[in-house]
Amino acid sequence: MAFLFNSDPERGAIFREIFASLLPDLEVFQRDDDVPPEQIRYLLTWSAPEDLTAYPNLELLFSIGAGVDQFNAETLPPHVKLIRMVEDGLIRMMQEYVTLGVLALHRDLPAYQDHQRRKLWQSLPARQATDCRIGFLGLGRLAQAAIERLKPFGFPLAGWSRSEKQIPGVRCFHGAAQRPGFLAQTDILVCLLPLTAQTRGMLDQDLFAQLPRGARLLQVGRGPQLDQTALLAALDNGQLAAAMLDVTDPEPLPQDHPLWSHPKVTITPHIASVTQPQTAARAVAENIRRHRAGQDLIGLVDHTRGY
């Protein structure tokens, strides 16, 4: 049985080198190699090949990214387990980006960037971190890691998730009934939800209206979660003071889209967290070891939830 790396050859070479050390008995192929598909037991890719039935012995399908919304669970053979990427390099980068975004929004960087473009030397009222309430939509592993980096600043921290969670130092809310109360006490909203049927379009006019006036948005989930028209309206009427977006729909936005030039918006090109091949290879190798030993897999996707 073998492992197929269906991505760029540079990262594939790193996977092959690390697997040779950690899983010397497992043959590693790249996407352009001539390999009989029946040999493939493990496959890592961004999106699934059109016909997965061509790999009759496939058991684990690894996403090269943290998200799995690019896969259609209905087309996956029932015996194939889908694994999202959980690796230290990706987690560290998300910690960095969320800290960057929260501090930029807290210290009014979008407004000062607009002042700079207008050659305006003017200070804005400043508040202490202890007076700025940070709320996370989604309390998965990436969100919890980011929260740990924010704790030393003294921000009041809260989070909302679909099911109940308990996290030290974080006021946790869960379920639809508790979401309005969570939003009402959030000054900077950080979205780190996966994209599912339930979260698609969630960041809409109704949600923005439940935030305190002048709240800010840091969107690092998925582009289709955001109603861009509603965001523009909330920014223009003052309900939201600023937004920082790492994901959009589509990616990239059309050249004439108003979000590009809006003075209250900062956009980055989906770079909050990027899979690092060295740490990713070790994480995938560990999951293969666990699979062989009959142990629980890290990042196993629940098809009923979509994450």
Protein backbone atom coordinates (compact mmCIF):
# COMPACT_ATOMS: atom_id res chain seq x y z
CA MET A 1 0.00 0.00 0.00
CA ALA A 2 1.17 3.55 -0.75
CA PHE A 3 0.65 7.28 -0.10
CA LEU A 4 -0.15 9.72 -2.93
CA PHE A 5 0.78 13.40 -2.57
CA ASN A 6 -1.50 15.24 -5.01
CA SER A 7 -0.03 18.75 -4.85
CA ASP A 8 3.06 20.71 -5.88
CA PRO A 9 6.27 18.68 -6.27
CA GLU A 10 8.38 20.92 -4.01
CA ARG A 11 6.27 20.17 -0.96
CA GLY A 12 5.92 16.59 -2.14
CA ALA A 13 9.68 16.16 -1.98
CA ILE A 14 9.63 17.27 1.66
CA PHE A 15 6.86 14.78 2.44
CA ARG A 16 8.83 12.01 0.75
CA GLU A 17 11.97 12.82 2.77
CA ILE A 18 10.16 12.95 6.12
CA PHE A 19 8.10 9.84 5.41
CA ALA A 20 11.31 7.97 4.57
CA SER A 21 12.39 8.62 8.15
CA LEU A 22 9.07 8.15 9.97
CA LEU A 23 7.31 5.56 7.77
CA PRO A 24 10.11 3.83 5.84
CA ASP A 25 7.89 0.95 4.77
CA LEU A 26 5.30 3.24 3.08
CA GLU A 27 5.98 4.12 -0.54
CA VAL A 28 5.30 7.78 -1.43
CA PHE A 29 4.15 8.87 -4.89
CA GLN A 30 3.58 12.30 -6.38
CA ARG A 31 0.69 13.18 -8.68
CA ASP A 32 2.71 12.85 -11.89
CA ASP A 33 4.17 9.46 -10.99
CA ASP A 34 2.97 6.37 -12.82
CA VAL A 35 1.41 4.35 -10.03
CA PRO A 36 -1.35 1.73 -10.15
CA PRO A 37 -4.31 3.35 -8.34
CA GLU A 38 -5.11 0.15 -6.45
CA GLN A 39 -1.87 0.65 -4.49
CA ILE A 40 -3.02 3.94 -2.97
CA ARG A 41 -4.25 3.61 0.59
CA TYR A 42 -3.66 7.24 1.66
CA LEU A 43 -4.21 10.38 -0.45
CA LEU A 44 -3.40 14.01 0.39
CA THR A 45 -4.90 16.69 -1.85
CA TRP A 46 -6.66 20.07 -1.91
CA SER A 47 -9.68 18.77 -3.77
CA ALA A 48 -10.77 15.23 -4.41
CA PRO A 49 -10.04 13.62 -7.80
CA GLU A 50 -13.13 13.42 -9.99
CA ASP A 51 -13.45 9.67 -9.61
CA LEU A 52 -12.35 8.40 -6.22
CA THR A 53 -13.68 4.96 -7.10
CA ALA A 54 -10.54 4.66 -9.23
CA TYR A 55 -8.73 4.13 -5.91
CA PRO A 56 -10.46 0.97 -4.64
CA ASN A 57 -8.21 0.58 -1.58
CA LEU A 58 -8.23 4.22 -0.45
CA GLU A 59 -8.93 4.51 3.28
CA LEU A 60 -7.83 8.02 4.36
CA LEU A 61 -8.32 11.22 2.36
CA PHE A 62 -6.25 14.09 3.79
CA SER A 63 -7.03 17.74 3.10
CA ILE A 64 -3.88 19.80 2.59
CA GLY A 65 -5.65 22.71 4.31
CA ALA A 66 -7.48 23.26 7.57
CA GLY A 67 -10.85 23.50 5.78
CA VAL A 68 -12.72 20.69 4.05
CA ASP A 69 -15.61 22.60 2.45
CA GLN A 70 -14.02 22.03 -0.97
CA PHE A 71 -14.92 18.33 -0.65
CA ASN A 72 -18.39 17.00 -1.39
CA ALA A 73 -19.07 14.48 1.35
CA GLU A 74 -21.90 12.95 -0.68
CA THR A 75 -19.46 11.81 -3.37
CA LEU A 76 -16.97 10.23 -0.99
CA PRO A 77 -17.10 6.44 -0.73
CA PRO A 78 -18.57 5.51 2.68
CA HIS A 79 -15.45 3.67 3.80
CA VAL A 80 -13.12 6.64 3.11
CA LYS A 81 -12.37 8.85 6.12
CA LEU A 82 -11.81 12.57 5.50
CA ILE A 83 -9.08 14.25 7.59
CA ARG A 84 -8.59 18.01 7.87
CA MET A 85 -5.09 19.36 8.36
CA VAL A 86 -4.10 19.96 11.97
CA GLU A 87 -0.43 20.84 12.22
CA ASP A 88 1.71 23.10 14.41
CA GLY A 89 2.92 25.45 11.66
CA LEU A 90 -0.60 26.20 10.49
CA ILE A 91 -1.75 26.78 14.07
CA ARG A 92 1.12 29.17 14.83
CA MET A 93 0.40 31.23 11.73
CA MET A 94 -3.27 31.57 12.68
CA GLN A 95 -2.26 32.68 16.15
CA GLU A 96 -0.06 35.37 14.59
CA TYR A 97 -2.72 36.59 12.16
CA VAL A 98 -5.56 36.76 14.68
CA THR A 99 -3.31 38.63 17.12
CA LEU A 100 -2.31 41.00 14.31
CA GLY A 101 -5.92 41.55 13.26
CA VAL A 102 -7.32 42.05 16.75
CA LEU A 103 -4.58 44.54 17.67
CA ALA A 104 -4.97 46.41 14.37
CA LEU A 105 -8.72 46.75 14.87
CA HIS A 106 -8.35 47.57 18.56
CA ARG A 107 -5.83 50.35 17.83
CA ASP A 108 -7.82 51.75 14.87
CA LEU A 109 -5.23 50.90 12.20
CA PRO A 110 -7.79 50.96 9.31
CA ALA A 111 -8.79 54.50 10.28
CA TYR A 112 -5.16 55.62 10.56
CA GLN A 113 -4.39 54.09 7.16
CA ASP A 114 -7.23 56.19 5.75
CA HIS A 115 -5.83 59.25 7.53
CA GLN A 116 -2.44 58.58 5.94
CA ARG A 117 -3.97 58.39 2.45
CA ARG A 118 -5.66 61.75 3.14
CA LYS A 119 -2.48 63.23 4.71
CA LEU A 120 -4.40 63.82 7.92
CA TRP A 121 -2.50 63.96 11.22
CA GLN A 122 -5.26 63.35 13.74
CA SER A 123 -5.46 61.11 16.80
CA LEU A 124 -8.52 59.07 17.73
CA PRO A 125 -9.80 58.25 21.22
CA ALA A 126 -7.90 55.24 22.57
CA ARG A 127 -9.18 52.59 24.95
CA GLN A 128 -7.46 50.00 27.06
CA ALA A 129 -7.48 46.33 26.08
CA THR A 130 -9.39 45.60 29.28
CA ASP A 131 -12.28 47.66 27.86
CA CYS A 132 -12.36 45.91 24.45
CA ARG A 133 -14.36 42.69 24.42
CA ILE A 134 -13.20 40.05 21.92
CA GLY A 135 -15.70 37.42 20.79
CA PHE A 136 -14.93 34.32 18.72
CA LEU A 137 -17.51 32.75 16.43
CA GLY A 138 -16.24 29.18 16.53
CA LEU A 139 -14.21 27.62 19.33
CA GLY A 140 -12.30 24.92 17.50
CA ARG A 141 -8.60 24.20 17.81
CA LEU A 142 -7.46 27.24 15.79
CA ALA A 143 -9.69 29.59 17.76
CA GLN A 144 -8.56 28.20 21.09
CA ALA A 145 -4.92 28.54 20.06
CA ALA A 146 -5.50 32.17 19.02
CA ILE A 147 -7.27 32.88 22.31
CA GLU A 148 -4.18 31.75 24.22
CA ARG A 149 -2.10 34.39 22.41
CA LEU A 150 -4.61 37.13 23.25
CA LYS A 151 -4.89 36.36 26.97
CA PRO A 152 -1.75 38.28 28.04
CA PHE A 153 -3.12 41.54 26.60
CA GLY A 154 -5.99 41.56 29.07
CA PHE A 155 -8.89 41.58 26.60
CA PRO A 156 -12.16 40.19 28.00
CA LEU A 157 -12.57 37.00 25.96
CA ALA A 158 -15.75 35.20 24.93
CA GLY A 159 -16.71 32.63 22.34
CA TRP A 160 -19.73 31.02 20.74
CA SER A 161 -19.99 27.48 19.39
CA ARG A 162 -22.77 25.21 18.26
CA SER A 163 -22.26 22.83 21.17
CA GLU A 164 -21.32 23.63 24.75
CA LYS A 165 -17.63 24.16 25.57
CA GLN A 166 -15.70 25.16 28.66
CA ILE A 167 -12.42 27.04 28.17
CA PRO A 168 -10.48 28.59 31.08
CA GLY A 169 -10.54 32.38 30.98
CA VAL A 170 -13.21 32.49 28.27
CA ARG A 171 -16.91 33.20 28.68
CA CYS A 172 -18.49 30.50 26.54
CA PHE A 173 -21.88 30.65 24.81
CA HIS A 174 -23.48 27.93 22.70
CA GLY A 175 -26.51 27.26 20.57
CA ALA A 176 -28.84 29.58 18.70
CA ALA A 177 -30.56 30.81 21.86
CA GLN A 178 -27.33 32.15 23.38
CA ARG A 179 -25.89 33.76 20.24
CA PRO A 180 -27.66 37.16 20.62
CA GLY A 181 -26.30 37.54 24.16
CA PHE A 182 -22.81 36.70 22.93
CA LEU A 183 -23.00 39.23 20.08
CA ALA A 184 -24.38 41.98 22.32
CA GLN A 185 -21.19 41.97 24.41
CA THR A 186 -18.65 41.70 21.55
CA ASP A 187 -16.62 44.72 20.41
CA ILE A 188 -14.36 42.81 18.00
CA LEU A 189 -15.93 39.75 16.38
CA VAL A 190 -13.50 37.09 15.12
CA CYS A 191 -15.07 34.54 12.78
CA LEU A 192 -13.24 31.21 12.71
CA LEU A 193 -16.18 28.99 11.81
CA PRO A 194 -15.98 26.23 9.20
CA LEU A 195 -18.13 26.66 6.11
CA THR A 196 -21.29 24.57 6.41
CA ALA A 197 -24.89 24.95 5.28
CA GLN A 198 -25.59 26.55 8.66
CA THR A 199 -22.73 29.09 8.53
CA ARG A 200 -23.10 30.12 4.88
CA GLY A 201 -24.26 33.75 4.88
CA MET A 202 -24.25 33.90 8.70
CA LEU A 203 -22.44 37.25 8.80
CA ASP A 204 -25.44 39.24 7.62
CA GLN A 205 -27.47 42.36 8.42
CA ASP A 206 -29.30 40.69 11.31
CA LEU A 207 -26.07 39.52 12.95
CA PHE A 208 -24.36 42.91 12.56
CA ALA A 209 -27.38 44.63 14.13
CA GLN A 210 -26.93 42.50 17.27
CA LEU A 211 -23.39 43.78 17.84
CA PRO A 212 -22.74 46.98 19.81
CA ARG A 213 -22.67 50.02 17.54
CA GLY A 214 -19.11 50.64 16.37
CA ALA A 215 -18.02 46.98 16.63
CA ARG A 216 -15.34 45.60 14.33
CA LEU A 217 -15.11 42.36 12.31
CA LEU A 218 -12.12 40.08 11.73
CA GLN A 219 -13.13 37.45 9.14
CA VAL A 220 -10.77 34.46 8.89
CA GLY A 221 -13.39 31.76 8.30
CA ARG A 222 -14.60 31.30 4.72
CA GLY A 223 -15.71 33.86 2.13
CA PRO A 224 -19.29 32.59 1.58
CA GLN A 225 -20.06 33.15 5.27
CA LEU A 226 -20.10 36.92 4.71
CA ASP A 227 -22.93 38.92 3.14
CA GLN A 228 -20.75 41.57 1.53
CA THR A 229 -23.67 43.91 0.77
CA ALA A 230 -24.70 43.80 4.42
CA LEU A 231 -21.13 44.48 5.50
CA LEU A 232 -20.86 47.55 3.27
CA ALA A 233 -24.16 48.87 4.60
CA ALA A 234 -23.10 48.31 8.22
CA LEU A 235 -19.81 50.10 7.62
CA ASP A 236 -21.49 53.02 5.87
CA ASN A 237 -24.16 53.53 8.53
CA GLY A 238 -21.69 53.24 11.41
CA GLN A 239 -22.99 49.99 12.89
CA LEU A 240 -19.52 48.58 12.19
CA ALA A 241 -16.43 50.77 12.55
CA ALA A 242 -14.02 48.57 10.56
CA ALA A 243 -13.48 45.15 9.04
CA MET A 244 -10.42 43.06 8.25
CA LEU A 245 -11.00 40.26 5.76
CA ASP A 246 -8.63 37.43 4.88
CA VAL A 247 -11.28 35.54 2.90
CA THR A 248 -13.77 36.75 0.29
CA ASP A 249 -16.23 35.30 -2.19
CA PRO A 250 -15.02 35.04 -4.88
CA GLU A 251 -11.27 35.06 -4.36
CA PRO A 252 -10.02 37.44 -5.57
CA LEU A 253 -12.83 39.98 -5.61
CA PRO A 254 -13.62 41.64 -8.96
CA GLN A 255 -11.41 44.65 -9.63
CA ASP A 256 -14.35 47.06 -9.32
CA HIS A 257 -15.71 45.64 -6.06
CA PRO A 258 -16.28 48.43 -3.48
CA LEU A 259 -14.60 46.48 -0.68
CA TRP A 260 -11.21 47.01 -2.33
CA SER A 261 -11.29 50.76 -1.82
CA HIS A 262 -13.51 51.12 1.23
CA PRO A 263 -11.69 53.27 3.82
CA LYS A 264 -12.83 51.06 6.71
CA VAL A 265 -11.76 47.74 5.17
CA THR A 266 -8.43 45.91 5.18
CA ILE A 267 -8.08 42.91 2.86
CA THR A 268 -5.38 40.23 2.80
CA PRO A 269 -5.29 37.46 0.15
CA HIS A 270 -6.20 34.36 2.21
CA ILE A 271 -2.82 34.20 3.91
CA ALA A 272 -3.84 34.02 7.58
CA SER A 273 -2.57 30.47 7.85
CA VAL A 274 -0.73 28.40 5.26
CA THR A 275 0.13 24.72 5.64
CA GLN A 276 3.84 24.26 6.36
CA PRO A 277 5.19 21.14 4.63
CA GLN A 278 7.69 20.09 7.30
CA THR A 279 5.20 20.11 10.17
CA ALA A 280 2.33 18.94 7.96
CA ALA A 281 4.29 15.87 6.84
CA ARG A 282 4.89 14.91 10.45
CA ALA A 283 1.22 15.44 11.32
CA VAL A 284 0.05 13.26 8.41
CA ALA A 285 2.62 10.58 9.23
CA GLU A 286 1.35 10.52 12.81
CA ASN A 287 -2.22 10.02 11.62
CA ILE A 288 -1.14 7.17 9.37
CA ARG A 289 0.64 5.59 12.33
CA ARG A 290 -2.55 6.00 14.39
CA HIS A 291 -4.65 4.47 11.61
CA ARG A 292 -2.40 1.44 11.42
CA ALA A 293 -2.57 1.05 15.20
CA GLY A 294 -6.36 1.38 15.30
CA GLN A 295 -6.18 4.63 17.32
CA ASP A 296 -8.32 7.78 17.06
CA LEU A 297 -7.38 10.09 14.19
CA ILE A 298 -6.55 13.79 14.65
CA GLY A 299 -8.76 16.03 12.51
CA LEU A 300 -11.26 13.34 11.52
CA VAL A 301 -14.26 15.02 9.87
CA ASP A 302 -17.77 14.25 11.05
CA HIS A 303 -19.74 14.06 7.80
CA THR A 304 -22.98 14.95 9.59
CA ARG A 305 -21.49 18.27 10.75
CA GLY A 306 -19.19 19.01 7.82
CA TYR A 307 -16.11 19.57 10.00
